[in-house]
Amino acid sequence: MALQKVLKQNAALVTLNYFMKKIIGFALVVVVFSLAACADKPAEVKKEVIIVPAAPVVIVKDPPEKSTTIVLDKNGVKVVAKKIDVTVKKQ
């Protein structure tokens, strides 16, 4: 009877030891993979930017002071617009 009791305790310790080894091994694998995933640095991307300056725009002629007039009376609204001659040159 004492032998059976010792064998049961020994079997329980062997089973417990087996599962503890599995749990510790799994935890170590998780830690190693976590460290490997966090250690990866993203590759640096270098981009070239070419800046092209825009050509200045010069207005040759100023528009007249009053180019559009709006008249509102009892007959309705009357809009008069004058034609403006504007020339744009690129330098």
PDB file of N, CA and C in Angstrom:
ATOM      1  N   MET A   1       0.808  -1.161   0.000  1.00  0.00           N
ATOM      2  CA  MET A   1       0.000   0.000   0.000  1.00  0.00           C
ATOM      3  C   MET A   1       0.877   1.261   0.000  1.00  0.00           C
ATOM      4  N   ALA A   2       1.882   1.246   0.766  1.00  0.00           N
ATOM      5  CA  ALA A   2       2.772   2.394   0.814  1.00  0.00           C
ATOM      6  C   ALA A   2       3.472   2.574  -0.519  1.00  0.00           C
ATOM      7  N   LEU A   3       3.740   1.444  -1.184  1.00  0.00           N
ATOM      8  CA  LEU A   3       4.386   1.509  -2.498  1.00  0.00           C
ATOM      9  C   LEU A   3       3.453   2.147  -3.531  1.00  0.00           C
ATOM     10  N   GLN A   4       2.167   1.793  -3.464  1.00  0.00           N
ATOM     11  CA  GLN A   4       1.197   2.378  -4.392  1.00  0.00           C
ATOM     12  C   GLN A   4       1.074   3.898  -4.150  1.00  0.00           C
ATOM     13  N   LYS A   5       1.084   4.279  -2.891  1.00  0.00           N
ATOM     14  CA  LYS A   5       0.984   5.695  -2.553  1.00  0.00           C
ATOM     15  C   LYS A   5       2.205   6.454  -3.075  1.00  0.00           C
ATOM     16  N   VAL A   6       3.378   5.875  -2.954  1.00  0.00           N
ATOM     17  CA  VAL A   6       4.596   6.501  -3.445  1.00  0.00           C
ATOM     18  C   VAL A   6       4.569   6.587  -4.964  1.00  0.00           C
ATOM     19  N   LEU A   7       4.091   5.516  -5.622  1.00  0.00           N
ATOM     20  CA  LEU A   7       4.006   5.521  -7.094  1.00  0.00           C
ATOM     21  C   LEU A   7       3.015   6.576  -7.589  1.00  0.00           C
ATOM     22  N   LYS A   8       1.890   6.755  -6.892  1.00  0.00           N
ATOM     23  CA  LYS A   8       0.907   7.769  -7.296  1.00  0.00           C
ATOM     24  C   LYS A   8       1.505   9.169  -7.154  1.00  0.00           C
ATOM     25  N   GLN A   9       2.226   9.393  -6.049  1.00  0.00           N
ATOM     26  CA  GLN A   9       2.847  10.695  -5.853  1.00  0.00           C
ATOM     27  C   GLN A   9       3.924  10.940  -6.916  1.00  0.00           C
ATOM     28  N   ASN A  10       4.679   9.883  -7.206  1.00  0.00           N
ATOM     29  CA  ASN A  10       5.730   9.990  -8.217  1.00  0.00           C
ATOM     30  C   ASN A  10       5.125  10.258  -9.595  1.00  0.00           C
ATOM     31  N   ALA A  11       4.011   9.596  -9.916  1.00  0.00           N
ATOM     32  CA  ALA A  11       3.344   9.806 -11.199  1.00  0.00           C
ATOM     33  C   ALA A  11       2.795  11.231 -11.296  1.00  0.00           C
ATOM     34  N   ALA A  12       2.260  11.719 -10.185  1.00  0.00           N
ATOM     35  CA  ALA A  12       1.736  13.084 -10.177  1.00  0.00           C
ATOM     36  C   ALA A  12       2.863  14.088 -10.375  1.00  0.00           C
ATOM     37  N   LEU A  13       4.016  13.841  -9.746  1.00  0.00           N
ATOM     38  CA  LEU A  13       5.147  14.749  -9.917  1.00  0.00           C
ATOM     39  C   LEU A  13       5.689  14.699 -11.344  1.00  0.00           C
ATOM     40  N   VAL A  14       5.718  13.505 -11.934  1.00  0.00           N
ATOM     41  CA  VAL A  14       6.195  13.374 -13.317  1.00  0.00           C
ATOM     42  C   VAL A  14       5.261  14.118 -14.254  1.00  0.00           C
ATOM     43  N   THR A  15       3.956  13.985 -14.051  1.00  0.00           N
ATOM     44  CA  THR A  15       2.980  14.672 -14.898  1.00  0.00           C
ATOM     45  C   THR A  15       3.089  16.183 -14.718  1.00  0.00           C
ATOM     46  N   LEU A  16       3.209  16.630 -13.476  1.00  0.00           N
ATOM     47  CA  LEU A  16       3.346  18.046 -13.194  1.00  0.00           C
ATOM     48  C   LEU A  16       4.631  18.591 -13.800  1.00  0.00           C
ATOM     49  N   ASN A  17       5.705  17.856 -13.681  1.00  0.00           N
ATOM     50  CA  ASN A  17       6.997  18.248 -14.245  1.00  0.00           C
ATOM     51  C   ASN A  17       6.900  18.351 -15.763  1.00  0.00           C
ATOM     52  N   TYR A  18       6.213  17.408 -16.396  1.00  0.00           N
ATOM     53  CA  TYR A  18       6.043  17.405 -17.851  1.00  0.00           C
ATOM     54  C   TYR A  18       5.292  18.665 -18.301  1.00  0.00           C
ATOM     55  N   PHE A  19       4.177  18.967 -17.632  1.00  0.00           N
ATOM     56  CA  PHE A  19       3.388  20.133 -18.031  1.00  0.00           C
ATOM     57  C   PHE A  19       4.113  21.441 -17.732  1.00  0.00           C
ATOM     58  N   MET A  20       4.865  21.497 -16.648  1.00  0.00           N
ATOM     59  CA  MET A  20       5.630  22.706 -16.351  1.00  0.00           C
ATOM     60  C   MET A  20       6.688  22.962 -17.419  1.00  0.00           C
ATOM     61  N   LYS A  21       7.336  21.890 -17.875  1.00  0.00           N
ATOM     62  CA  LYS A  21       8.326  22.044 -18.952  1.00  0.00           C
ATOM     63  C   LYS A  21       7.652  22.562 -20.215  1.00  0.00           C
ATOM     64  N   LYS A  22       6.464  22.051 -20.520  1.00  0.00           N
ATOM     65  CA  LYS A  22       5.733  22.511 -21.710  1.00  0.00           C
ATOM     66  C   LYS A  22       5.336  23.982 -21.582  1.00  0.00           C
ATOM     67  N   ILE A  23       4.867  24.361 -20.405  1.00  0.00           N
ATOM     68  CA  ILE A  23       4.435  25.750 -20.194  1.00  0.00           C
ATOM     69  C   ILE A  23       5.629  26.699 -20.270  1.00  0.00           C
ATOM     70  N   ILE A  24       6.732  26.336 -19.637  1.00  0.00           N
ATOM     71  CA  ILE A  24       7.916  27.190 -19.672  1.00  0.00           C
ATOM     72  C   ILE A  24       8.470  27.280 -21.095  1.00  0.00           C
ATOM     73  N   GLY A  25       8.482  26.180 -21.816  1.00  0.00           N
ATOM     74  CA  GLY A  25       8.942  26.182 -23.210  1.00  0.00           C
ATOM     75  C   GLY A  25       8.071  27.065 -24.088  1.00  0.00           C
ATOM     76  N   PHE A  26       6.762  26.963 -23.902  1.00  0.00           N
ATOM     77  CA  PHE A  26       5.833  27.794 -24.683  1.00  0.00           C
ATOM     78  C   PHE A  26       6.045  29.272 -24.377  1.00  0.00           C
ATOM     79  N   ALA A  27       6.243  29.580 -23.091  1.00  0.00           N
ATOM     80  CA  ALA A  27       6.467  30.974 -22.703  1.00  0.00           C
ATOM     81  C   ALA A  27       7.759  31.498 -23.314  1.00  0.00           C
ATOM     82  N   LEU A  28       8.803  30.676 -23.335  1.00  0.00           N
ATOM     83  CA  LEU A  28      10.064  31.103 -23.941  1.00  0.00           C
ATOM     84  C   LEU A  28       9.910  31.338 -25.446  1.00  0.00           C
ATOM     85  N   VAL A  29       9.174  30.470 -26.120  1.00  0.00           N
ATOM     86  CA  VAL A  29       8.945  30.648 -27.559  1.00  0.00           C
ATOM     87  C   VAL A  29       8.168  31.942 -27.821  1.00  0.00           C
ATOM     88  N   VAL A  30       7.179  32.220 -26.999  1.00  0.00           N
ATOM     89  CA  VAL A  30       6.393  33.451 -27.152  1.00  0.00           C
ATOM     90  C   VAL A  30       7.288  34.671 -26.954  1.00  0.00           C
ATOM     91  N   VAL A  31       8.159  34.636 -25.955  1.00  0.00           N
ATOM     92  CA  VAL A  31       9.050  35.770 -25.692  1.00  0.00           C
ATOM     93  C   VAL A  31      10.025  35.964 -26.846  1.00  0.00           C
ATOM     94  N   VAL A  32      10.575  34.872 -27.363  1.00  0.00           N
ATOM     95  CA  VAL A  32      11.534  34.982 -28.470  1.00  0.00           C
ATOM     96  C   VAL A  32      10.863  35.559 -29.709  1.00  0.00           C
ATOM     97  N   PHE A  33       9.668  35.072 -30.038  1.00  0.00           N
ATOM     98  CA  PHE A  33       8.972  35.606 -31.220  1.00  0.00           C
ATOM     99  C   PHE A  33       8.555  37.060 -31.014  1.00  0.00           C
ATOM    100  N   SER A  34       8.175  37.419 -29.799  1.00  0.00           N
ATOM    101  CA  SER A  34       7.810  38.816 -29.529  1.00  0.00           C
ATOM    102  C   SER A  34       9.016  39.731 -29.692  1.00  0.00           C
ATOM    103  N   LEU A  35      10.163  39.304 -29.184  1.00  0.00           N
ATOM    104  CA  LEU A  35      11.367  40.116 -29.343  1.00  0.00           C
ATOM    105  C   LEU A  35      11.779  40.218 -30.806  1.00  0.00           C
ATOM    106  N   ALA A  36      11.635  39.126 -31.545  1.00  0.00           N
ATOM    107  CA  ALA A  36      11.998  39.166 -32.959  1.00  0.00           C
ATOM    108  C   ALA A  36      11.063  40.088 -33.739  1.00  0.00           C
ATOM    109  N   ALA A  37       9.784  40.088 -33.396  1.00  0.00           N
ATOM    110  CA  ALA A  37       8.822  40.943 -34.099  1.00  0.00           C
ATOM    111  C   ALA A  37       9.054  42.411 -33.778  1.00  0.00           C
ATOM    112  N   CYS A  38       9.427  42.715 -32.545  1.00  0.00           N
ATOM    113  CA  CYS A  38       9.633  44.107 -32.153  1.00  0.00           C
ATOM    114  C   CYS A  38      10.988  44.647 -32.599  1.00  0.00           C
ATOM    115  N   ALA A  39      11.932  43.763 -32.882  1.00  0.00           N
ATOM    116  CA  ALA A  39      13.275  44.203 -33.237  1.00  0.00           C
ATOM    117  C   ALA A  39      13.380  44.625 -34.697  1.00  0.00           C
ATOM    118  N   ASP A  40      12.433  44.241 -35.537  1.00  0.00           N
ATOM    119  CA  ASP A  40      12.497  44.600 -36.957  1.00  0.00           C
ATOM    120  C   ASP A  40      12.288  46.091 -37.115  1.00  0.00           C
ATOM    121  N   LYS A  41      13.250  46.753 -37.753  1.00  0.00           N
ATOM    122  CA  LYS A  41      13.129  48.177 -38.022  1.00  0.00           C
ATOM    123  C   LYS A  41      12.647  48.338 -39.460  1.00  0.00           C
ATOM    124  N   PRO A  42      11.680  49.212 -39.685  1.00  0.00           N
ATOM    125  CA  PRO A  42      11.221  49.406 -41.060  1.00  0.00           C
ATOM    126  C   PRO A  42      12.314  50.037 -41.914  1.00  0.00           C
ATOM    127  N   ALA A  43      12.353  49.615 -43.140  1.00  0.00           N
ATOM    128  CA  ALA A  43      13.357  50.156 -44.056  1.00  0.00           C
ATOM    129  C   ALA A  43      13.082  51.628 -44.315  1.00  0.00           C
ATOM    130  N   GLU A  44      14.158  52.409 -44.314  1.00  0.00           N
ATOM    131  CA  GLU A  44      13.996  53.831 -44.568  1.00  0.00           C
ATOM    132  C   GLU A  44      13.773  54.052 -46.064  1.00  0.00           C
ATOM    133  N   VAL A  45      12.801  54.866 -46.360  1.00  0.00           N
ATOM    134  CA  VAL A  45      12.474  55.163 -47.752  1.00  0.00           C
ATOM    135  C   VAL A  45      12.983  56.561 -48.056  1.00  0.00           C
ATOM    136  N   LYS A  46      13.858  56.652 -49.018  1.00  0.00           N
ATOM    137  CA  LYS A  46      14.376  57.962 -49.414  1.00  0.00           C
ATOM    138  C   LYS A  46      13.674  58.385 -50.693  1.00  0.00           C
ATOM    139  N   LYS A  47      13.132  59.574 -50.661  1.00  0.00           N
ATOM    140  CA  LYS A  47      12.415  60.093 -51.822  1.00  0.00           C
ATOM    141  C   LYS A  47      13.122  61.341 -52.316  1.00  0.00           C
ATOM    142  N   GLU A  48      13.195  61.457 -53.623  1.00  0.00           N
ATOM    143  CA  GLU A  48      13.758  62.664 -54.220  1.00  0.00           C
ATOM    144  C   GLU A  48      12.624  63.608 -54.565  1.00  0.00           C
ATOM    145  N   VAL A  49      12.805  64.851 -54.191  1.00  0.00           N
ATOM    146  CA  VAL A  49      11.811  65.864 -54.498  1.00  0.00           C
ATOM    147  C   VAL A  49      12.472  66.901 -55.393  1.00  0.00           C
ATOM    148  N   ILE A  50      11.889  67.090 -56.562  1.00  0.00           N
ATOM    149  CA  ILE A  50      12.403  68.071 -57.505  1.00  0.00           C
ATOM    150  C   ILE A  50      11.466  69.275 -57.467  1.00  0.00           C
ATOM    151  N   ILE A  51      12.003  70.415 -57.109  1.00  0.00           N
ATOM    152  CA  ILE A  51      11.205  71.632 -57.032  1.00  0.00           C
ATOM    153  C   ILE A  51      11.464  72.460 -58.276  1.00  0.00           C
ATOM    154  N   VAL A  52      10.400  72.705 -59.014  1.00  0.00           N
ATOM    155  CA  VAL A  52      10.494  73.514 -60.230  1.00  0.00           C
ATOM    156  C   VAL A  52       9.861  74.864 -59.920  1.00  0.00           C
ATOM    157  N   PRO A  53      10.644  75.939 -60.007  1.00  0.00           N
ATOM    158  CA  PRO A  53      10.067  77.252 -59.707  1.00  0.00           C
ATOM    159  C   PRO A  53       9.073  77.673 -60.799  1.00  0.00           C
ATOM    160  N   ALA A  54       7.995  78.272 -60.370  1.00  0.00           N
ATOM    161  CA  ALA A  54       6.981  78.727 -61.315  1.00  0.00           C
ATOM    162  C   ALA A  54       7.435  80.029 -61.955  1.00  0.00           C
ATOM    163  N   ALA A  55       7.094  80.183 -63.232  1.00  0.00           N
ATOM    164  CA  ALA A  55       7.443  81.413 -63.953  1.00  0.00           C
ATOM    165  C   ALA A  55       6.570  82.553 -63.439  1.00  0.00           C
ATOM    166  N   PRO A  56       7.149  83.717 -63.207  1.00  0.00           N
ATOM    167  CA  PRO A  56       6.341  84.841 -62.720  1.00  0.00           C
ATOM    168  C   PRO A  56       5.381  85.340 -63.813  1.00  0.00           C
ATOM    169  N   VAL A  57       4.207  85.744 -63.385  1.00  0.00           N
ATOM    170  CA  VAL A  57       3.188  86.246 -64.300  1.00  0.00           C
ATOM    171  C   VAL A  57       3.103  87.757 -64.102  1.00  0.00           C
ATOM    172  N   VAL A  58       3.175  88.490 -65.217  1.00  0.00           N
ATOM    173  CA  VAL A  58       3.134  89.946 -65.161  1.00  0.00           C
ATOM    174  C   VAL A  58       1.882  90.423 -65.887  1.00  0.00           C
ATOM    175  N   ILE A  59       1.093  91.250 -65.217  1.00  0.00           N
ATOM    176  CA  ILE A  59      -0.084  91.839 -65.854  1.00  0.00           C
ATOM    177  C   ILE A  59       0.364  93.141 -66.492  1.00  0.00           C
ATOM    178  N   VAL A  60       0.156  93.229 -67.809  1.00  0.00           N
ATOM    179  CA  VAL A  60       0.632  94.380 -68.563  1.00  0.00           C
ATOM    180  C   VAL A  60      -0.273  95.582 -68.374  1.00  0.00           C
ATOM    181  N   LYS A  61      -1.586  95.394 -68.360  1.00  0.00           N
ATOM    182  CA  LYS A  61      -2.520  96.522 -68.296  1.00  0.00           C
ATOM    183  C   LYS A  61      -3.455  96.333 -67.106  1.00  0.00           C
ATOM    184  N   ASP A  62      -3.648  97.386 -66.323  1.00  0.00           N
ATOM    185  CA  ASP A  62      -4.579  97.329 -65.210  1.00  0.00           C
ATOM    186  C   ASP A  62      -6.007  97.486 -65.726  1.00  0.00           C
ATOM    187  N   PRO A  63      -6.967  96.833 -65.095  1.00  0.00           N
ATOM    188  CA  PRO A  63      -8.354  96.991 -65.543  1.00  0.00           C
ATOM    189  C   PRO A  63      -8.885  98.378 -65.186  1.00  0.00           C
ATOM    190  N   PRO A  64      -9.907  98.854 -65.905  1.00  0.00           N
ATOM    191  CA  PRO A  64     -10.479 100.167 -65.570  1.00  0.00           C
ATOM    192  C   PRO A  64     -11.109 100.127 -64.173  1.00  0.00           C
ATOM    193  N   GLU A  65     -11.290 101.330 -63.593  1.00  0.00           N
ATOM    194  CA  GLU A  65     -11.792 101.406 -62.224  1.00  0.00           C
ATOM    195  C   GLU A  65     -13.176 100.784 -62.072  1.00  0.00           C
ATOM    196  N   LYS A  66     -14.097 101.145 -62.949  1.00  0.00           N
ATOM    197  CA  LYS A  66     -15.445 100.595 -62.857  1.00  0.00           C
ATOM    198  C   LYS A  66     -15.700  99.767 -64.117  1.00  0.00           C
ATOM    199  N   SER A  67     -15.500  98.470 -64.017  1.00  0.00           N
ATOM    200  CA  SER A  67     -15.716  97.622 -65.187  1.00  0.00           C
ATOM    201  C   SER A  67     -17.120  97.042 -65.208  1.00  0.00           C
ATOM    202  N   THR A  68     -17.777  96.950 -64.068  1.00  0.00           N
ATOM    203  CA  THR A  68     -19.128  96.399 -63.992  1.00  0.00           C
ATOM    204  C   THR A  68     -19.992  97.321 -63.154  1.00  0.00           C
ATOM    205  N   THR A  69     -21.210  97.628 -63.674  1.00  0.00           N
ATOM    206  CA  THR A  69     -22.159  98.436 -62.908  1.00  0.00           C
ATOM    207  C   THR A  69     -23.470  97.685 -62.807  1.00  0.00           C
ATOM    208  N   ILE A  70     -24.090  97.778 -61.658  1.00  0.00           N
ATOM    209  CA  ILE A  70     -25.378  97.129 -61.425  1.00  0.00           C
ATOM    210  C   ILE A  70     -26.365  98.218 -61.037  1.00  0.00           C
ATOM    211  N   VAL A  71     -27.517  98.279 -61.769  1.00  0.00           N
ATOM    212  CA  VAL A  71     -28.548  99.279 -61.510  1.00  0.00           C
ATOM    213  C   VAL A  71     -29.815  98.528 -61.103  1.00  0.00           C
ATOM    214  N   LEU A  72     -30.358  98.898 -59.950  1.00  0.00           N
ATOM    215  CA  LEU A  72     -31.589  98.279 -59.451  1.00  0.00           C
ATOM    216  C   LEU A  72     -32.656  99.357 -59.353  1.00  0.00           C
ATOM    217  N   ASP A  73     -33.757  99.190 -60.120  1.00  0.00           N
ATOM    218  CA  ASP A  73     -34.860 100.140 -60.042  1.00  0.00           C
ATOM    219  C   ASP A  73     -36.170  99.366 -60.069  1.00  0.00           C
ATOM    220  N   LYS A  74     -37.302 100.113 -60.258  1.00  0.00           N
ATOM    221  CA  LYS A  74     -38.601  99.443 -60.199  1.00  0.00           C
ATOM    222  C   LYS A  74     -38.841  98.525 -61.397  1.00  0.00           C
ATOM    223  N   ASN A  75     -38.095  98.693 -62.479  1.00  0.00           N
ATOM    224  CA  ASN A  75     -38.258  97.844 -63.657  1.00  0.00           C
ATOM    225  C   ASN A  75     -37.473  96.531 -63.539  1.00  0.00           C
ATOM    226  N   GLY A  76     -36.527  96.457 -62.631  1.00  0.00           N
ATOM    227  CA  GLY A  76     -35.741  95.237 -62.454  1.00  0.00           C
ATOM    228  C   GLY A  76     -34.278  95.571 -62.241  1.00  0.00           C
ATOM    229  N   VAL A  77     -33.439  94.610 -62.560  1.00  0.00           N
ATOM    230  CA  VAL A  77     -32.003  94.764 -62.375  1.00  0.00           C
ATOM    231  C   VAL A  77     -31.363  94.880 -63.742  1.00  0.00           C
ATOM    232  N   LYS A  78     -30.411  95.835 -63.877  1.00  0.00           N
ATOM    233  CA  LYS A  78     -29.686  96.018 -65.131  1.00  0.00           C
ATOM    234  C   LYS A  78     -28.199  95.925 -64.811  1.00  0.00           C
ATOM    235  N   VAL A  79     -27.513  95.012 -65.484  1.00  0.00           N
ATOM    236  CA  VAL A  79     -26.085  94.820 -65.259  1.00  0.00           C
ATOM    237  C   VAL A  79     -25.363  95.214 -66.538  1.00  0.00           C
ATOM    238  N   VAL A  80     -24.382  96.121 -66.410  1.00  0.00           N
ATOM    239  CA  VAL A  80     -23.572  96.545 -67.547  1.00  0.00           C
ATOM    240  C   VAL A  80     -22.129  96.169 -67.237  1.00  0.00           C
ATOM    241  N   ALA A  81     -21.492  95.408 -68.135  1.00  0.00           N
ATOM    242  CA  ALA A  81     -20.092  95.019 -67.947  1.00  0.00           C
ATOM    243  C   ALA A  81     -19.292  95.508 -69.133  1.00  0.00           C
ATOM    244  N   LYS A  82     -18.139  96.069 -68.869  1.00  0.00           N
ATOM    245  CA  LYS A  82     -17.264  96.536 -69.932  1.00  0.00           C
ATOM    246  C   LYS A  82     -16.234  95.459 -70.228  1.00  0.00           C
ATOM    247  N   LYS A  83     -15.854  95.347 -71.472  1.00  0.00           N
ATOM    248  CA  LYS A  83     -14.861  94.368 -71.873  1.00  0.00           C
ATOM    249  C   LYS A  83     -13.475  94.856 -71.444  1.00  0.00           C
ATOM    250  N   ILE A  84     -12.707  93.982 -70.856  1.00  0.00           N
ATOM    251  CA  ILE A  84     -11.373  94.329 -70.375  1.00  0.00           C
ATOM    252  C   ILE A  84     -10.357  93.597 -71.237  1.00  0.00           C
ATOM    253  N   ASP A  85      -9.355  94.328 -71.686  1.00  0.00           N
ATOM    254  CA  ASP A  85      -8.285  93.731 -72.496  1.00  0.00           C
ATOM    255  C   ASP A  85      -7.087  93.479 -71.585  1.00  0.00           C
ATOM    256  N   VAL A  86      -6.832  92.222 -71.288  1.00  0.00           N
ATOM    257  CA  VAL A  86      -5.720  91.850 -70.403  1.00  0.00           C
ATOM    258  C   VAL A  86      -4.811  90.911 -71.162  1.00  0.00           C
ATOM    259  N   THR A  87      -3.519  91.184 -71.112  1.00  0.00           N
ATOM    260  CA  THR A  87      -2.514  90.337 -71.776  1.00  0.00           C
ATOM    261  C   THR A  87      -1.590  89.768 -70.706  1.00  0.00           C
ATOM    262  N   VAL A  88      -1.380  88.449 -70.774  1.00  0.00           N
ATOM    263  CA  VAL A  88      -0.484  87.793 -69.825  1.00  0.00           C
ATOM    264  C   VAL A  88       0.728  87.288 -70.579  1.00  0.00           C
ATOM    265  N   LYS A  89       1.904  87.669 -70.114  1.00  0.00           N
ATOM    266  CA  LYS A  89       3.151  87.240 -70.761  1.00  0.00           C
ATOM    267  C   LYS A  89       3.960  86.423 -69.780  1.00  0.00           C
ATOM    268  N   LYS A  90       4.594  85.396 -70.278  1.00  0.00           N
ATOM    269  CA  LYS A  90       5.508  84.610 -69.445  1.00  0.00           C
ATOM    270  C   LYS A  90       6.928  85.081 -69.714  1.00  0.00           C
ATOM    271  N   GLN A  91       7.710  85.188 -68.665  1.00  0.00           N
ATOM    272  CA  GLN A  91       9.082  85.649 -68.846  1.00  0.00           C
ATOM    273  C   GLN A  91      10.043  84.475 -68.779  1.00  0.00           C
TER     274      GLN A  91
END
